[in-house]
Each structure stands twice: as structure tokens, then as C-alpha cells.
Amino acid sequence: KVPGSTYSFSAWLLERADSVVIMAYRNKALGGNGIIATAKSIILEAATLKKKAVIAVDTLPSLEADYTTFYSSNSSLMESELKQVKESLSPYPSYVGIAVHDYVRWVELLNANR
């Protein structure tokens, strides 16, 4: 919440930006702690405010927890999870795609399956 109000910080930020990147750093699409659940409330706010949102995922090692990154995954698992994200969130006009952090590690994951 914005201090002194009942207004969400994410809606406040969305009103001031053309678009946002939601760092939904998880390695599963589904579940209460998955990418979709992590991002959906902001996707809905962005749709209401006619703003755009990109969902970001991570491929680098994490000091937080293994579930926050695709680092230990293979590219086919990552692609499958991201396909579920796209299928679930594409109906919302605010959803404009997925960003992957870090490009070099993502390419390593892709090349490991060749």
C-alpha cells in the first residue's frame, strides 16, 4: 500500500509509467508461488489502467532460493513453463511478453540441449 492510503503501490507506479517489468522470478508457471500467481495481480491492475506489463524470469544462480531461477533447469522445462505463462496471461491486454535475465545463461541453457 502507498503510505497513508489504501491504494496499492503497484497501481500507483503503473499510473506513472507506460509499462512495467514484473520480476516474477520463479521456475514454475503454476501454483500459489508460481510465475502466474506472482504476476497476475499486477497484470490485472495494468489491464485496468490500460498499461503494459512484461513478465521477467531469471536464469542465473540465486542466493535466495532455487525456485527463483531456471538456472538448474534444462531449456525444454523452461520453455514448457513459459508456454503455460503465455497461455494463461495472453488473454489480458496488459500482458506483452516475457523477458529473460540473463541472456548469456539463457543461450547456455539452449545450447546444452543440442
PDB file of N, CA and C in Angstrom:
ATOM      1  N   LYS A   1       0.839  -1.196   0.000  1.00  0.00           N
ATOM      2  CA  LYS A   1       0.000   0.000   0.000  1.00  0.00           C
ATOM      3  C   LYS A   1       0.879   1.253   0.000  1.00  0.00           C
ATOM      4  N   VAL A   2       0.362   2.311  -0.618  1.00  0.00           N
ATOM      5  CA  VAL A   2       1.016   3.614  -0.558  1.00  0.00           C
ATOM      6  C   VAL A   2       0.833   4.132   0.868  1.00  0.00           C
ATOM      7  N   PRO A   3       1.906   4.607   1.504  1.00  0.00           N
ATOM      8  CA  PRO A   3       1.771   5.080   2.890  1.00  0.00           C
ATOM      9  C   PRO A   3       0.632   6.093   3.051  1.00  0.00           C
ATOM     10  N   GLY A   4      -0.168   5.871   4.081  1.00  0.00           N
ATOM     11  CA  GLY A   4      -1.276   6.764   4.378  1.00  0.00           C
ATOM     12  C   GLY A   4      -2.496   6.580   3.502  1.00  0.00           C
ATOM     13  N   SER A   5      -2.564   5.459   2.769  1.00  0.00           N
ATOM     14  CA  SER A   5      -3.724   5.229   1.894  1.00  0.00           C
ATOM     15  C   SER A   5      -4.025   3.741   1.818  1.00  0.00           C
ATOM     16  N   THR A   6      -5.079   3.406   1.094  1.00  0.00           N
ATOM     17  CA  THR A   6      -5.400   2.001   0.834  1.00  0.00           C
ATOM     18  C   THR A   6      -5.059   1.625  -0.610  1.00  0.00           C
ATOM     19  N   TYR A   7      -4.394   2.533  -1.309  1.00  0.00           N
ATOM     20  CA  TYR A   7      -4.034   2.356  -2.712  1.00  0.00           C
ATOM     21  C   TYR A   7      -2.775   1.495  -2.832  1.00  0.00           C
ATOM     22  N   SER A   8      -2.779   0.538  -3.745  1.00  0.00           N
ATOM     23  CA  SER A   8      -1.608  -0.325  -3.894  1.00  0.00           C
ATOM     24  C   SER A   8      -0.449   0.432  -4.530  1.00  0.00           C
ATOM     25  N   PHE A   9       0.749   0.081  -4.093  1.00  0.00           N
ATOM     26  CA  PHE A   9       1.944   0.715  -4.656  1.00  0.00           C
ATOM     27  C   PHE A   9       2.077   0.375  -6.138  1.00  0.00           C
ATOM     28  N   SER A  10       1.713  -0.846  -6.507  1.00  0.00           N
ATOM     29  CA  SER A  10       1.839  -1.235  -7.914  1.00  0.00           C
ATOM     30  C   SER A  10       0.917  -0.400  -8.807  1.00  0.00           C
ATOM     31  N   ALA A  11      -0.304  -0.118  -8.370  1.00  0.00           N
ATOM     32  CA  ALA A  11      -1.204   0.732  -9.159  1.00  0.00           C
ATOM     33  C   ALA A  11      -0.655   2.157  -9.227  1.00  0.00           C
ATOM     34  N   TRP A  12      -0.135   2.642  -8.119  1.00  0.00           N
ATOM     35  CA  TRP A  12       0.474   3.981  -8.086  1.00  0.00           C
ATOM     36  C   TRP A  12       1.612   4.061  -9.099  1.00  0.00           C
ATOM     37  N   LEU A  13       2.457   3.037  -9.122  1.00  0.00           N
ATOM     38  CA  LEU A  13       3.582   3.006 -10.054  1.00  0.00           C
ATOM     39  C   LEU A  13       3.102   2.891 -11.494  1.00  0.00           C
ATOM     40  N   LEU A  14       2.113   2.034 -11.733  1.00  0.00           N
ATOM     41  CA  LEU A  14       1.583   1.862 -13.087  1.00  0.00           C
ATOM     42  C   LEU A  14       1.011   3.164 -13.645  1.00  0.00           C
ATOM     43  N   GLU A  15       0.400   3.965 -12.808  1.00  0.00           N
ATOM     44  CA  GLU A  15      -0.146   5.244 -13.271  1.00  0.00           C
ATOM     45  C   GLU A  15       0.948   6.189 -13.758  1.00  0.00           C
ATOM     46  N   ARG A  16       2.156   5.989 -13.287  1.00  0.00           N
ATOM     47  CA  ARG A  16       3.256   6.893 -13.600  1.00  0.00           C
ATOM     48  C   ARG A  16       4.184   6.357 -14.698  1.00  0.00           C
ATOM     49  N   ALA A  17       3.926   5.161 -15.161  1.00  0.00           N
ATOM     50  CA  ALA A  17       4.786   4.530 -16.162  1.00  0.00           C
ATOM     51  C   ALA A  17       3.969   4.127 -17.378  1.00  0.00           C
ATOM     52  N   ASP A  18       4.647   3.996 -18.507  1.00  0.00           N
ATOM     53  CA  ASP A  18       3.994   3.491 -19.708  1.00  0.00           C
ATOM     54  C   ASP A  18       3.845   1.976 -19.643  1.00  0.00           C
ATOM     55  N   SER A  19       4.847   1.343 -19.037  1.00  0.00           N
ATOM     56  CA  SER A  19       4.847  -0.110 -18.906  1.00  0.00           C
ATOM     57  C   SER A  19       5.742  -0.489 -17.733  1.00  0.00           C
ATOM     58  N   VAL A  20       5.605  -1.739 -17.298  1.00  0.00           N
ATOM     59  CA  VAL A  20       6.429  -2.248 -16.207  1.00  0.00           C
ATOM     60  C   VAL A  20       6.948  -3.632 -16.559  1.00  0.00           C
ATOM     61  N   VAL A  21       8.013  -4.016 -15.878  1.00  0.00           N
ATOM     62  CA  VAL A  21       8.524  -5.374 -15.945  1.00  0.00           C
ATOM     63  C   VAL A  21       8.315  -5.974 -14.567  1.00  0.00           C
ATOM     64  N   ILE A  22       7.590  -7.071 -14.525  1.00  0.00           N
ATOM     65  CA  ILE A  22       7.297  -7.753 -13.268  1.00  0.00           C
ATOM     66  C   ILE A  22       8.346  -8.841 -13.074  1.00  0.00           C
ATOM     67  N   MET A  23       9.179  -8.684 -12.090  1.00  0.00           N
ATOM     68  CA  MET A  23      10.230  -9.666 -11.823  1.00  0.00           C
ATOM     69  C   MET A  23       9.609 -10.857 -11.082  1.00  0.00           C
ATOM     70  N   ALA A  24       8.940 -11.693 -11.845  1.00  0.00           N
ATOM     71  CA  ALA A  24       8.265 -12.872 -11.297  1.00  0.00           C
ATOM     72  C   ALA A  24       9.249 -14.031 -11.290  1.00  0.00           C
ATOM     73  N   TYR A  25      10.324 -13.850 -10.580  1.00  0.00           N
ATOM     74  CA  TYR A  25      11.420 -14.819 -10.589  1.00  0.00           C
ATOM     75  C   TYR A  25      11.025 -16.096  -9.861  1.00  0.00           C
ATOM     76  N   ARG A  26      10.492 -17.024 -10.637  1.00  0.00           N
ATOM     77  CA  ARG A  26      10.106 -18.351 -10.187  1.00  0.00           C
ATOM     78  C   ARG A  26      10.455 -19.327 -11.303  1.00  0.00           C
ATOM     79  N   ASN A  27      10.544 -20.618 -11.001  1.00  0.00           N
ATOM     80  CA  ASN A  27      10.860 -21.601 -12.042  1.00  0.00           C
ATOM     81  C   ASN A  27       9.697 -22.534 -12.358  1.00  0.00           C
ATOM     82  N   LYS A  28       8.511 -22.186 -11.870  1.00  0.00           N
ATOM     83  CA  LYS A  28       7.286 -22.930 -12.176  1.00  0.00           C
ATOM     84  C   LYS A  28       6.203 -21.942 -12.573  1.00  0.00           C
ATOM     85  N   ALA A  29       5.421 -22.291 -13.578  1.00  0.00           N
ATOM     86  CA  ALA A  29       4.332 -21.414 -14.017  1.00  0.00           C
ATOM     87  C   ALA A  29       3.172 -21.435 -13.037  1.00  0.00           C
ATOM     88  N   LEU A  30       2.830 -22.640 -12.575  1.00  0.00           N
ATOM     89  CA  LEU A  30       1.612 -22.830 -11.782  1.00  0.00           C
ATOM     90  C   LEU A  30       1.895 -22.910 -10.291  1.00  0.00           C
ATOM     91  N   GLY A  31       0.832 -22.862  -9.512  1.00  0.00           N
ATOM     92  CA  GLY A  31       0.938 -22.978  -8.068  1.00  0.00           C
ATOM     93  C   GLY A  31       0.873 -21.621  -7.397  1.00  0.00           C
ATOM     94  N   GLY A  32       0.626 -21.633  -6.123  1.00  0.00           N
ATOM     95  CA  GLY A  32       0.468 -20.403  -5.358  1.00  0.00           C
ATOM     96  C   GLY A  32       1.703 -19.532  -5.321  1.00  0.00           C
ATOM     97  N   ASN A  33       2.864 -20.123  -5.564  1.00  0.00           N
ATOM     98  CA  ASN A  33       4.112 -19.363  -5.574  1.00  0.00           C
ATOM     99  C   ASN A  33       4.757 -19.399  -6.959  1.00  0.00           C
ATOM    100  N   GLY A  34       3.941 -19.649  -7.982  1.00  0.00           N
ATOM    101  CA  GLY A  34       4.454 -19.742  -9.340  1.00  0.00           C
ATOM    102  C   GLY A  34       4.490 -18.391 -10.038  1.00  0.00           C
ATOM    103  N   ILE A  35       4.977 -18.405 -11.254  1.00  0.00           N
ATOM    104  CA  ILE A  35       5.109 -17.179 -12.047  1.00  0.00           C
ATOM    105  C   ILE A  35       3.758 -16.498 -12.234  1.00  0.00           C
ATOM    106  N   ILE A  36       2.749 -17.273 -12.608  1.00  0.00           N
ATOM    107  CA  ILE A  36       1.428 -16.698 -12.886  1.00  0.00           C
ATOM    108  C   ILE A  36       0.838 -16.063 -11.633  1.00  0.00           C
ATOM    109  N   ALA A  37       0.860 -16.791 -10.527  1.00  0.00           N
ATOM    110  CA  ALA A  37       0.303 -16.247  -9.278  1.00  0.00           C
ATOM    111  C   ALA A  37       1.076 -15.019  -8.809  1.00  0.00           C
ATOM    112  N   THR A  38       2.386 -15.027  -9.012  1.00  0.00           N
ATOM    113  CA  THR A  38       3.217 -13.904  -8.588  1.00  0.00           C
ATOM    114  C   THR A  38       2.906 -12.645  -9.401  1.00  0.00           C
ATOM    115  N   ALA A  39       2.591 -12.817 -10.665  1.00  0.00           N
ATOM    116  CA  ALA A  39       2.410 -11.672 -11.568  1.00  0.00           C
ATOM    117  C   ALA A  39       0.970 -11.249 -11.796  1.00  0.00           C
ATOM    118  N   LYS A  40       0.021 -12.123 -11.561  1.00  0.00           N
ATOM    119  CA  LYS A  40      -1.343 -11.893 -12.033  1.00  0.00           C
ATOM    120  C   LYS A  40      -2.003 -10.638 -11.465  1.00  0.00           C
ATOM    121  N   SER A  41      -1.821 -10.342 -10.195  1.00  0.00           N
ATOM    122  CA  SER A  41      -2.493  -9.160  -9.634  1.00  0.00           C
ATOM    123  C   SER A  41      -2.023  -7.879 -10.321  1.00  0.00           C
ATOM    124  N   ILE A  42      -0.733  -7.820 -10.656  1.00  0.00           N
ATOM    125  CA  ILE A  42      -0.228  -6.617 -11.340  1.00  0.00           C
ATOM    126  C   ILE A  42      -0.674  -6.617 -12.801  1.00  0.00           C
ATOM    127  N   ILE A  43      -0.754  -7.783 -13.419  1.00  0.00           N
ATOM    128  CA  ILE A  43      -1.290  -7.879 -14.788  1.00  0.00           C
ATOM    129  C   ILE A  43      -2.721  -7.339 -14.815  1.00  0.00           C
ATOM    130  N   LEU A  44      -3.523  -7.701 -13.816  1.00  0.00           N
ATOM    131  CA  LEU A  44      -4.910  -7.227 -13.747  1.00  0.00           C
ATOM    132  C   LEU A  44      -4.968  -5.713 -13.515  1.00  0.00           C
ATOM    133  N   GLU A  45      -4.132  -5.212 -12.622  1.00  0.00           N
ATOM    134  CA  GLU A  45      -4.085  -3.757 -12.396  1.00  0.00           C
ATOM    135  C   GLU A  45      -3.659  -3.033 -13.665  1.00  0.00           C
ATOM    136  N   ALA A  46      -2.651  -3.573 -14.345  1.00  0.00           N
ATOM    137  CA  ALA A  46      -2.169  -2.955 -15.576  1.00  0.00           C
ATOM    138  C   ALA A  46      -3.271  -2.947 -16.637  1.00  0.00           C
ATOM    139  N   ALA A  47      -4.042  -4.011 -16.732  1.00  0.00           N
ATOM    140  CA  ALA A  47      -5.145  -4.061 -17.698  1.00  0.00           C
ATOM    141  C   ALA A  47      -6.181  -2.990 -17.377  1.00  0.00           C
ATOM    142  N   THR A  48      -6.515  -2.849 -16.102  1.00  0.00           N
ATOM    143  CA  THR A  48      -7.482  -1.843 -15.673  1.00  0.00           C
ATOM    144  C   THR A  48      -7.005  -0.429 -16.019  1.00  0.00           C
ATOM    145  N   LEU A  49      -5.702  -0.197 -15.850  1.00  0.00           N
ATOM    146  CA  LEU A  49      -5.122   1.128 -16.089  1.00  0.00           C
ATOM    147  C   LEU A  49      -4.649   1.317 -17.540  1.00  0.00           C
ATOM    148  N   LYS A  50      -4.901   0.304 -18.383  1.00  0.00           N
ATOM    149  CA  LYS A  50      -4.507   0.340 -19.794  1.00  0.00           C
ATOM    150  C   LYS A  50      -2.998   0.551 -19.968  1.00  0.00           C
ATOM    151  N   LYS A  51      -2.257  -0.184 -19.172  1.00  0.00           N
ATOM    152  CA  LYS A  51      -0.794  -0.163 -19.225  1.00  0.00           C
ATOM    153  C   LYS A  51      -0.300  -1.535 -19.662  1.00  0.00           C
ATOM    154  N   LYS A  52       0.965  -1.624 -19.999  1.00  0.00           N
ATOM    155  CA  LYS A  52       1.570  -2.864 -20.472  1.00  0.00           C
ATOM    156  C   LYS A  52       2.509  -3.430 -19.418  1.00  0.00           C
ATOM    157  N   ALA A  53       2.604  -4.765 -19.385  1.00  0.00           N
ATOM    158  CA  ALA A  53       3.479  -5.431 -18.423  1.00  0.00           C
ATOM    159  C   ALA A  53       4.191  -6.612 -19.078  1.00  0.00           C
ATOM    160  N   VAL A  54       5.466  -6.709 -18.803  1.00  0.00           N
ATOM    161  CA  VAL A  54       6.310  -7.809 -19.244  1.00  0.00           C
ATOM    162  C   VAL A  54       6.608  -8.659 -18.015  1.00  0.00           C
ATOM    163  N   ILE A  55       6.572  -9.963 -18.169  1.00  0.00           N
ATOM    164  CA  ILE A  55       6.902 -10.878 -17.083  1.00  0.00           C
ATOM    165  C   ILE A  55       8.369 -11.266 -17.231  1.00  0.00           C
ATOM    166  N   ALA A  56       9.166 -11.066 -16.178  1.00  0.00           N
ATOM    167  CA  ALA A  56      10.582 -11.416 -16.230  1.00  0.00           C
ATOM    168  C   ALA A  56      10.860 -12.668 -15.408  1.00  0.00           C
ATOM    169  N   VAL A  57      11.736 -13.511 -15.947  1.00  0.00           N
ATOM    170  CA  VAL A  57      12.216 -14.695 -15.237  1.00  0.00           C
ATOM    171  C   VAL A  57      13.745 -14.662 -15.240  1.00  0.00           C
ATOM    172  N   ASP A  58      14.339 -15.483 -14.399  1.00  0.00           N
ATOM    173  CA  ASP A  58      15.786 -15.463 -14.227  1.00  0.00           C
ATOM    174  C   ASP A  58      16.403 -16.803 -14.596  1.00  0.00           C
ATOM    175  N   THR A  59      17.638 -16.760 -15.110  1.00  0.00           N
ATOM    176  CA  THR A  59      18.377 -17.977 -15.434  1.00  0.00           C
ATOM    177  C   THR A  59      19.726 -18.040 -14.722  1.00  0.00           C
ATOM    178  N   LEU A  60      20.007 -17.055 -13.893  1.00  0.00           N
ATOM    179  CA  LEU A  60      21.275 -17.035 -13.162  1.00  0.00           C
ATOM    180  C   LEU A  60      21.132 -17.712 -11.805  1.00  0.00           C
ATOM    181  N   PRO A  61      22.248 -18.156 -11.209  1.00  0.00           N
ATOM    182  CA  PRO A  61      22.162 -18.733  -9.869  1.00  0.00           C
ATOM    183  C   PRO A  61      21.606 -17.701  -8.892  1.00  0.00           C
ATOM    184  N   SER A  62      20.889 -18.181  -7.894  1.00  0.00           N
ATOM    185  CA  SER A  62      20.271 -17.285  -6.918  1.00  0.00           C
ATOM    186  C   SER A  62      20.737 -17.620  -5.507  1.00  0.00           C
ATOM    187  N   LEU A  63      20.997 -16.588  -4.731  1.00  0.00           N
ATOM    188  CA  LEU A  63      21.310 -16.784  -3.318  1.00  0.00           C
ATOM    189  C   LEU A  63      20.039 -16.873  -2.488  1.00  0.00           C
ATOM    190  N   GLU A  64      18.898 -16.482  -3.091  1.00  0.00           N
ATOM    191  CA  GLU A  64      17.611 -16.523  -2.383  1.00  0.00           C
ATOM    192  C   GLU A  64      17.110 -17.956  -2.224  1.00  0.00           C
ATOM    193  N   ALA A  65      16.808 -18.582  -3.343  1.00  0.00           N
ATOM    194  CA  ALA A  65      16.280 -19.952  -3.325  1.00  0.00           C
ATOM    195  C   ALA A  65      16.310 -20.511  -4.744  1.00  0.00           C
ATOM    196  N   ASP A  66      16.409 -21.826  -4.853  1.00  0.00           N
ATOM    197  CA  ASP A  66      16.449 -22.463  -6.176  1.00  0.00           C
ATOM    198  C   ASP A  66      15.185 -22.225  -6.980  1.00  0.00           C
ATOM    199  N   TYR A  67      14.034 -22.076  -6.306  1.00  0.00           N
ATOM    200  CA  TYR A  67      12.773 -21.896  -7.022  1.00  0.00           C
ATOM    201  C   TYR A  67      12.640 -20.518  -7.683  1.00  0.00           C
ATOM    202  N   THR A  68      13.608 -19.632  -7.483  1.00  0.00           N
ATOM    203  CA  THR A  68      13.532 -18.293  -8.083  1.00  0.00           C
ATOM    204  C   THR A  68      14.252 -18.197  -9.423  1.00  0.00           C
ATOM    205  N   THR A  69      14.797 -19.292  -9.910  1.00  0.00           N
ATOM    206  CA  THR A  69      15.571 -19.247 -11.144  1.00  0.00           C
ATOM    207  C   THR A  69      15.469 -20.558 -11.926  1.00  0.00           C
ATOM    208  N   PHE A  70      15.643 -20.435 -13.227  1.00  0.00           N
ATOM    209  CA  PHE A  70      15.712 -21.611 -14.099  1.00  0.00           C
ATOM    210  C   PHE A  70      17.148 -22.106 -14.241  1.00  0.00           C
ATOM    211  N   TYR A  71      18.056 -21.609 -13.422  1.00  0.00           N
ATOM    212  CA  TYR A  71      19.471 -21.929 -13.546  1.00  0.00           C
ATOM    213  C   TYR A  71      19.744 -23.431 -13.633  1.00  0.00           C
ATOM    214  N   SER A  72      19.110 -24.207 -12.785  1.00  0.00           N
ATOM    215  CA  SER A  72      19.355 -25.657 -12.754  1.00  0.00           C
ATOM    216  C   SER A  72      18.440 -26.442 -13.677  1.00  0.00           C
ATOM    217  N   SER A  73      17.596 -25.754 -14.420  1.00  0.00           N
ATOM    218  CA  SER A  73      16.646 -26.414 -15.324  1.00  0.00           C
ATOM    219  C   SER A  73      17.262 -26.620 -16.693  1.00  0.00           C
ATOM    220  N   ASN A  74      16.613 -27.450 -17.484  1.00  0.00           N
ATOM    221  CA  ASN A  74      17.012 -27.542 -18.885  1.00  0.00           C
ATOM    222  C   ASN A  74      16.072 -26.655 -19.706  1.00  0.00           C
ATOM    223  N   SER A  75      16.472 -26.372 -20.910  1.00  0.00           N
ATOM    224  CA  SER A  75      15.715 -25.410 -21.719  1.00  0.00           C
ATOM    225  C   SER A  75      14.314 -25.907 -22.071  1.00  0.00           C
ATOM    226  N   SER A  76      14.130 -27.220 -22.226  1.00  0.00           N
ATOM    227  CA  SER A  76      12.792 -27.720 -22.568  1.00  0.00           C
ATOM    228  C   SER A  76      11.830 -27.534 -21.395  1.00  0.00           C
ATOM    229  N   LEU A  77      12.307 -27.718 -20.168  1.00  0.00           N
ATOM    230  CA  LEU A  77      11.463 -27.469 -19.000  1.00  0.00           C
ATOM    231  C   LEU A  77      11.128 -25.983 -18.914  1.00  0.00           C
ATOM    232  N   MET A  78      12.125 -25.150 -19.107  1.00  0.00           N
ATOM    233  CA  MET A  78      11.891 -23.699 -19.068  1.00  0.00           C
ATOM    234  C   MET A  78      10.880 -23.290 -20.135  1.00  0.00           C
ATOM    235  N   GLU A  79      11.057 -23.785 -21.348  1.00  0.00           N
ATOM    236  CA  GLU A  79      10.127 -23.465 -22.436  1.00  0.00           C
ATOM    237  C   GLU A  79       8.710 -23.922 -22.115  1.00  0.00           C
ATOM    238  N   SER A  80       8.573 -25.090 -21.514  1.00  0.00           N
ATOM    239  CA  SER A  80       7.258 -25.607 -21.147  1.00  0.00           C
ATOM    240  C   SER A  80       6.583 -24.721 -20.099  1.00  0.00           C
ATOM    241  N   GLU A  81       7.332 -24.312 -19.097  1.00  0.00           N
ATOM    242  CA  GLU A  81       6.779 -23.433 -18.054  1.00  0.00           C
ATOM    243  C   GLU A  81       6.393 -22.075 -18.639  1.00  0.00           C
ATOM    244  N   LEU A  82       7.239 -21.520 -19.493  1.00  0.00           N
ATOM    245  CA  LEU A  82       6.950 -20.205 -20.076  1.00  0.00           C
ATOM    246  C   LEU A  82       5.788 -20.274 -21.057  1.00  0.00           C
ATOM    247  N   LYS A  83       5.606 -21.421 -21.702  1.00  0.00           N
ATOM    248  CA  LYS A  83       4.439 -21.603 -22.576  1.00  0.00           C
ATOM    249  C   LYS A  83       3.159 -21.533 -21.749  1.00  0.00           C
ATOM    250  N   GLN A  84       3.165 -22.144 -20.566  1.00  0.00           N
ATOM    251  CA  GLN A  84       1.998 -22.081 -19.685  1.00  0.00           C
ATOM    252  C   GLN A  84       1.715 -20.636 -19.241  1.00  0.00           C
ATOM    253  N   VAL A  85       2.780 -19.899 -18.957  1.00  0.00           N
ATOM    254  CA  VAL A  85       2.625 -18.486 -18.575  1.00  0.00           C
ATOM    255  C   VAL A  85       1.962 -17.725 -19.718  1.00  0.00           C
ATOM    256  N   LYS A  86       2.494 -17.901 -20.921  1.00  0.00           N
ATOM    257  CA  LYS A  86       1.951 -17.199 -22.088  1.00  0.00           C
ATOM    258  C   LYS A  86       0.486 -17.563 -22.313  1.00  0.00           C
ATOM    259  N   GLU A  87       0.162 -18.847 -22.252  1.00  0.00           N
ATOM    260  CA  GLU A  87      -1.227 -19.278 -22.475  1.00  0.00           C
ATOM    261  C   GLU A  87      -2.175 -18.710 -21.427  1.00  0.00           C
ATOM    262  N   SER A  88      -1.713 -18.633 -20.198  1.00  0.00           N
ATOM    263  CA  SER A  88      -2.562 -18.148 -19.112  1.00  0.00           C
ATOM    264  C   SER A  88      -2.741 -16.631 -19.142  1.00  0.00           C
ATOM    265  N   LEU A  89      -1.694 -15.895 -19.482  1.00  0.00           N
ATOM    266  CA  LEU A  89      -1.747 -14.439 -19.384  1.00  0.00           C
ATOM    267  C   LEU A  89      -2.024 -13.717 -20.699  1.00  0.00           C
ATOM    268  N   SER A  90      -1.900 -14.393 -21.825  1.00  0.00           N
ATOM    269  CA  SER A  90      -2.150 -13.758 -23.130  1.00  0.00           C
ATOM    270  C   SER A  90      -3.537 -13.149 -23.283  1.00  0.00           C
ATOM    271  N   PRO A  91      -4.568 -13.690 -22.662  1.00  0.00           N
ATOM    272  CA  PRO A  91      -5.884 -13.055 -22.803  1.00  0.00           C
ATOM    273  C   PRO A  91      -5.966 -11.640 -22.216  1.00  0.00           C
ATOM    274  N   TYR A  92      -5.045 -11.291 -21.349  1.00  0.00           N
ATOM    275  CA  TYR A  92      -5.072  -9.957 -20.746  1.00  0.00           C
ATOM    276  C   TYR A  92      -4.360  -8.963 -21.657  1.00  0.00           C
ATOM    277  N   PRO A  93      -5.010  -7.851 -21.996  1.00  0.00           N
ATOM    278  CA  PRO A  93      -4.395  -6.888 -22.916  1.00  0.00           C
ATOM    279  C   PRO A  93      -3.127  -6.242 -22.358  1.00  0.00           C
ATOM    280  N   SER A  94      -2.920  -6.306 -21.064  1.00  0.00           N
ATOM    281  CA  SER A  94      -1.732  -5.721 -20.453  1.00  0.00           C
ATOM    282  C   SER A  94      -0.491  -6.593 -20.658  1.00  0.00           C
ATOM    283  N   TYR A  95      -0.675  -7.882 -20.839  1.00  0.00           N
ATOM    284  CA  TYR A  95       0.453  -8.806 -20.995  1.00  0.00           C
ATOM    285  C   TYR A  95       1.079  -8.636 -22.369  1.00  0.00           C
ATOM    286  N   VAL A  96       2.393  -8.347 -22.392  1.00  0.00           N
ATOM    287  CA  VAL A  96       3.058  -8.155 -23.685  1.00  0.00           C
ATOM    288  C   VAL A  96       4.254  -9.081 -23.893  1.00  0.00           C
ATOM    289  N   GLY A  97       4.468 -10.020 -22.980  1.00  0.00           N
ATOM    290  CA  GLY A  97       5.532 -10.977 -23.220  1.00  0.00           C
ATOM    291  C   GLY A  97       6.385 -11.269 -22.012  1.00  0.00           C
ATOM    292  N   ILE A  98       7.481 -12.002 -22.296  1.00  0.00           N
ATOM    293  CA  ILE A  98       8.387 -12.478 -21.255  1.00  0.00           C
ATOM    294  C   ILE A  98       9.788 -11.961 -21.528  1.00  0.00           C
ATOM    295  N   ALA A  99      10.445 -11.508 -20.483  1.00  0.00           N
ATOM    296  CA  ALA A  99      11.856 -11.103 -20.550  1.00  0.00           C
ATOM    297  C   ALA A  99      12.666 -12.144 -19.779  1.00  0.00           C
ATOM    298  N   VAL A 100      13.833 -12.469 -20.304  1.00  0.00           N
ATOM    299  CA  VAL A 100      14.691 -13.454 -19.651  1.00  0.00           C
ATOM    300  C   VAL A 100      15.980 -12.775 -19.201  1.00  0.00           C
ATOM    301  N   HIS A 101      16.270 -12.907 -17.925  1.00  0.00           N
ATOM    302  CA  HIS A 101      17.531 -12.437 -17.359  1.00  0.00           C
ATOM    303  C   HIS A 101      18.336 -13.682 -17.051  1.00  0.00           C
ATOM    304  N   ASP A 102      19.256 -13.922 -17.585  1.00  0.00           N
ATOM    305  CA  ASP A 102      20.350 -13.265 -18.245  1.00  0.00           C
ATOM    306  C   ASP A 102      20.523 -13.910 -19.611  1.00  0.00           C
ATOM    307  N   TYR A 103      20.747 -13.109 -20.622  1.00  0.00           N
ATOM    308  CA  TYR A 103      20.833 -13.611 -21.992  1.00  0.00           C
ATOM    309  C   TYR A 103      21.921 -14.675 -22.158  1.00  0.00           C
ATOM    310  N   VAL A 104      23.108 -14.429 -21.632  1.00  0.00           N
ATOM    311  CA  VAL A 104      24.221 -15.372 -21.801  1.00  0.00           C
ATOM    312  C   VAL A 104      23.867 -16.734 -21.203  1.00  0.00           C
ATOM    313  N   ARG A 105      23.298 -16.751 -20.001  1.00  0.00           N
ATOM    314  CA  ARG A 105      22.922 -18.027 -19.368  1.00  0.00           C
ATOM    315  C   ARG A 105      21.786 -18.695 -20.126  1.00  0.00           C
ATOM    316  N   TRP A 106      20.848 -17.920 -20.649  1.00  0.00           N
ATOM    317  CA  TRP A 106      19.742 -18.476 -21.425  1.00  0.00           C
ATOM    318  C   TRP A 106      20.279 -19.200 -22.660  1.00  0.00           C
ATOM    319  N   VAL A 107      21.226 -18.582 -23.348  1.00  0.00           N
ATOM    320  CA  VAL A 107      21.838 -19.202 -24.525  1.00  0.00           C
ATOM    321  C   VAL A 107      22.566 -20.485 -24.115  1.00  0.00           C
ATOM    322  N   GLU A 108      23.244 -20.468 -22.962  1.00  0.00           N
ATOM    323  CA  GLU A 108      23.898 -21.684 -22.466  1.00  0.00           C
ATOM    324  C   GLU A 108      22.882 -22.804 -22.245  1.00  0.00           C
ATOM    325  N   LEU A 109      21.734 -22.470 -21.653  1.00  0.00           N
ATOM    326  CA  LEU A 109      20.684 -23.484 -21.446  1.00  0.00           C
ATOM    327  C   LEU A 109      20.190 -24.042 -22.779  1.00  0.00           C
ATOM    328  N   LEU A 110      19.977 -23.157 -23.745  1.00  0.00           N
ATOM    329  CA  LEU A 110      19.506 -23.596 -25.064  1.00  0.00           C
ATOM    330  C   LEU A 110      20.529 -24.499 -25.741  1.00  0.00           C
ATOM    331  N   ASN A 111      21.803 -24.130 -25.676  1.00  0.00           N
ATOM    332  CA  ASN A 111      22.858 -24.906 -26.322  1.00  0.00           C
ATOM    333  C   ASN A 111      23.136 -26.238 -25.614  1.00  0.00           C
ATOM    334  N   ALA A 112      22.835 -26.329 -24.339  1.00  0.00           N
ATOM    335  CA  ALA A 112      23.064 -27.561 -23.591  1.00  0.00           C
ATOM    336  C   ALA A 112      22.164 -28.698 -24.075  1.00  0.00           C
ATOM    337  N   ASN A 113      21.037 -28.348 -24.685  1.00  0.00           N
ATOM    338  CA  ASN A 113      20.093 -29.372 -25.168  1.00  0.00           C
ATOM    339  C   ASN A 113      20.350 -29.785 -26.606  1.00  0.00           C
ATOM    340  N   ARG A 114      21.319 -29.207 -27.252  1.00  0.00           N
ATOM    341  CA  ARG A 114      21.571 -29.523 -28.669  1.00  0.00           C
ATOM    342  C   ARG A 114      22.412 -30.760 -28.826  1.00  0.00           C
TER     343      ARG A 114
END
